[in-house]
Protein backbone atom coordinates (compact mmCIF):
# COMPACT_ATOMS: atom_id res chain seq x y z
CA MET A 1 -86.46 86.29 -69.75
CA GLU A 2 -85.22 89.09 -71.99
CA GLU A 3 -88.76 90.38 -72.42
CA ALA A 4 -89.29 90.48 -68.65
CA CYS A 5 -86.06 92.42 -68.18
CA GLU A 6 -87.12 94.80 -70.93
CA CYS A 7 -90.39 95.44 -69.06
CA LEU A 8 -88.45 96.39 -65.91
CA LYS A 9 -86.69 99.27 -67.70
CA ALA A 10 -89.78 101.52 -67.55
CA PRO A 11 -90.30 101.35 -63.76
CA GLU A 12 -86.54 101.70 -63.27
CA SER A 13 -86.40 104.93 -65.28
CA ALA A 14 -89.63 106.25 -63.71
CA LEU A 15 -87.90 106.40 -60.33
CA ASN A 16 -85.84 109.20 -61.86
CA GLY A 17 -83.16 108.99 -59.15
CA ASN A 18 -85.69 109.12 -56.29
CA LYS A 19 -85.96 106.61 -53.46
CA LEU A 20 -89.73 106.33 -54.02
CA TYR A 21 -91.97 107.01 -57.01
CA GLY A 22 -93.59 109.78 -54.97
CA GLY A 23 -90.17 111.36 -54.38
CA HIS A 24 -89.54 111.39 -50.64
CA THR A 25 -92.95 110.06 -49.58
CA ILE A 26 -94.82 106.96 -50.60
CA GLY A 27 -97.41 107.66 -53.29
CA LEU A 28 -100.07 105.91 -55.34
CA VAL A 29 -97.54 104.54 -57.84
CA ASP A 30 -95.46 103.05 -55.02
CA ILE A 31 -98.56 101.32 -53.69
CA ALA A 32 -99.66 100.10 -57.13
CA ALA A 33 -96.18 98.91 -58.07
CA ASN A 34 -95.41 97.06 -54.87
CA PHE A 35 -96.06 93.81 -56.75
CA THR A 36 -92.51 94.22 -58.03
CA GLY A 37 -91.06 94.03 -54.55
CA PHE A 38 -93.31 91.18 -53.54
CA TRP A 39 -94.21 88.88 -56.42
CA LEU A 40 -91.05 89.30 -58.42
CA SER A 41 -88.89 88.14 -55.52
CA ILE A 42 -91.18 85.15 -55.04
CA VAL A 43 -91.08 84.22 -58.72
CA GLN A 44 -87.29 84.56 -58.69
CA GLU A 45 -86.98 82.22 -55.72
CA ALA A 46 -89.49 79.72 -57.12
CA THR A 47 -87.82 79.58 -60.55
CA GLY A 48 -84.21 80.09 -59.52
CA ARG A 49 -83.86 82.88 -62.09
CA GLU A 50 -82.77 86.41 -61.35
CA LEU A 51 -84.70 89.21 -63.03
CA LEU A 52 -84.32 92.05 -60.56
CA SER A 53 -80.82 92.61 -59.24
CA ALA A 54 -78.86 95.54 -57.84
CA HIS A 55 -76.56 95.27 -60.84
CA LYS A 56 -79.21 95.26 -63.59
CA PHE A 57 -81.75 97.65 -62.03
CA PRO A 58 -80.16 99.47 -59.07
CA LEU A 59 -82.94 102.03 -58.51
CA LEU A 60 -85.75 99.49 -58.76
CA PHE A 61 -83.85 97.00 -56.60
CA ASN A 62 -83.27 99.62 -53.89
CA TRP A 63 -86.91 100.70 -54.12
CA SER A 64 -88.13 97.11 -53.68
CA HIS A 65 -85.96 96.73 -50.56
CA CYS A 66 -86.95 100.10 -49.09
CA GLY A 67 -88.31 99.82 -45.54
CA ILE A 68 -91.45 101.79 -46.40
CA VAL A 69 -92.23 99.47 -49.32
CA GLN A 70 -91.41 96.35 -47.27
CA GLU A 71 -93.88 97.43 -44.57
CA CYS A 72 -96.68 97.24 -47.16
CA LEU A 73 -95.91 93.66 -48.22
CA LEU A 74 -97.03 90.28 -46.92
CA PRO A 75 -94.34 87.96 -45.54
CA GLN A 76 -92.60 86.29 -48.50
CA ARG A 77 -93.31 82.74 -47.26
CA GLN A 78 -97.04 83.50 -47.28
CA GLY A 79 -96.78 84.65 -50.90
CA ILE A 80 -94.82 81.57 -51.95
CA GLY A 81 -97.43 79.31 -50.37
CA HIS A 82 -100.22 81.20 -52.16
CA LEU A 83 -98.39 81.04 -55.50
CA GLN A 84 -97.75 77.33 -55.19
CA SER A 85 -101.27 76.45 -54.09
CA SER A 86 -102.73 78.54 -56.92
CA CYS A 87 -100.50 76.92 -59.50
CA CYS A 88 -101.12 73.43 -58.14
CA SER A 89 -104.89 73.81 -58.10
CA THR A 90 -104.89 75.40 -61.55
CA LEU A 91 -102.59 72.83 -63.11
CA ASN A 92 -103.63 69.92 -60.84
CA LYS A 93 -99.96 69.04 -60.36
CA GLN A 94 -97.44 68.76 -57.56
CA PRO A 95 -95.89 71.99 -56.23
CA MET A 96 -93.27 73.46 -58.53
CA CYS A 97 -90.61 73.72 -55.84
CA PRO A 98 -91.73 71.97 -52.65
CA SER A 99 -88.34 72.61 -51.03
CA ILE A 100 -89.07 76.36 -50.94
CA LEU A 101 -91.89 75.87 -48.46
CA ASN A 102 -89.61 73.91 -46.16
CA LYS A 103 -87.05 76.73 -45.86
CA GLN A 104 -87.05 78.63 -42.61
């Protein structure tokens, strides 16, 4: 957990006070880094652990919730389903958190 938080310090500082990595317009880094806004929130919900919060990483948190970034992401439920099916088929086990898929 500490190592994951340590890894989030670099993208947080790279925002350098800007709303987007490209400054005022979305750029290549914003597109490449959108996994943070998508997969990290899914992993947080699936595990019940908070890595990215407005308190710990305010710039990165705001970036991940930016409307422009959100428009580039799949619906979160679709990502959770993909994550669970991938893990289940890889590990040949039951879903990690079946209750997540039942949330509306």
